[in-house]
Protein backbone atom coordinates (compact mmCIF):
# COMPACT_ATOMS: atom_id res chain seq x y z
CA LYS A 1 0.00 0.00 0.00
CA GLU A 2 2.93 2.34 0.61
CA ALA A 3 3.81 2.24 -3.10
CA ALA A 4 0.25 3.18 -4.05
CA ASP A 5 0.24 6.05 -1.55
CA ARG A 6 2.77 7.89 -3.75
CA TYR A 7 0.08 8.20 -6.44
CA ARG A 8 -2.98 8.81 -4.22
CA GLY A 9 -3.29 12.38 -5.56
CA GLU A 10 -4.13 11.04 -9.04
CA SER A 11 -7.51 9.77 -7.85
CA PRO A 12 -10.39 11.54 -6.16
CA LYS A 13 -10.90 8.37 -4.07
CA GLY A 14 -7.22 7.94 -3.20
CA VAL A 15 -5.92 4.39 -2.79
CA GLU A 16 -8.52 1.63 -3.08
CA PRO A 17 -8.23 -2.13 -2.50
CA VAL A 18 -8.63 -4.29 -5.60
CA PRO A 19 -11.69 -6.53 -5.19
CA GLY A 20 -10.77 -10.21 -5.35
CA LEU A 21 -7.02 -9.73 -4.80
CA ALA A 22 -5.23 -9.76 -1.46
CA ASN A 23 -2.38 -7.26 -1.06
CA ALA A 24 -3.42 -5.36 -4.18
CA TYR A 25 -4.36 -1.70 -4.43
CA MET A 26 -5.29 0.68 -7.21
CA VAL A 27 -5.27 4.37 -7.93
CA PHE A 28 -7.82 5.29 -10.58
CA ASP A 29 -9.33 8.52 -11.83
CA PRO A 30 -12.49 7.78 -13.84
CA LYS A 31 -12.00 11.02 -15.83
CA THR A 32 -8.85 9.56 -17.45
CA PRO A 33 -8.10 6.07 -18.80
CA ASN A 34 -5.02 5.80 -16.57
CA ARG A 35 -5.24 3.12 -13.87
CA ARG A 36 -2.37 2.05 -11.61
CA ILE A 37 -2.56 -1.30 -9.86
CA PHE A 38 -0.04 -2.33 -7.21
CA ILE A 39 0.37 -6.04 -6.47
CA GLU A 40 2.69 -7.71 -3.98
CA TYR A 41 4.15 -10.98 -5.27
CA LYS A 42 7.00 -12.92 -3.67
CA LYS A 43 7.93 -9.98 -1.42
CA LYS A 44 8.18 -7.56 -4.35
CA VAL A 45 5.66 -4.91 -5.37
CA TYR A 46 4.73 -4.61 -9.02
CA MET A 47 2.93 -1.67 -10.58
CA ILE A 48 0.71 -2.32 -13.58
CA VAL A 49 -0.17 0.82 -15.49
CA SER A 50 -3.07 0.61 -17.87
CA GLY A 51 -3.61 3.45 -20.31
CA GLU A 52 -6.58 1.68 -21.82
CA LYS A 53 -10.11 1.27 -20.56
CA ILE A 54 -9.59 -2.36 -19.56
CA PRO A 55 -12.24 -3.55 -17.11
CA LEU A 56 -10.85 -4.19 -13.63
CA ALA A 57 -12.24 -7.75 -13.69
CA THR A 58 -10.10 -8.52 -16.78
CA ILE A 59 -6.95 -7.26 -15.07
CA VAL A 60 -7.69 -9.26 -11.92
CA LYS A 61 -8.34 -12.39 -14.00
CA SER A 62 -5.02 -12.03 -15.83
CA VAL A 63 -3.13 -11.61 -12.56
CA LEU A 64 -4.76 -14.65 -10.95
CA GLN A 65 -3.97 -17.00 -13.85
CA PRO A 66 -0.83 -19.11 -13.40
């Protein structure tokens, strides 16, 4: 969550948990297509930046697949 806090100003809602994913947070402004998702995996934090209007459920599904 600390990594996501750096970008909290980009969203009117601040940092939000990602539904369906533990240890995952997002910063999203609905006025722009930019969405940042932060996921912890094997003690590292990864940031996924989507510049497209990809539905959140699609991103979550792709992360959960082996």
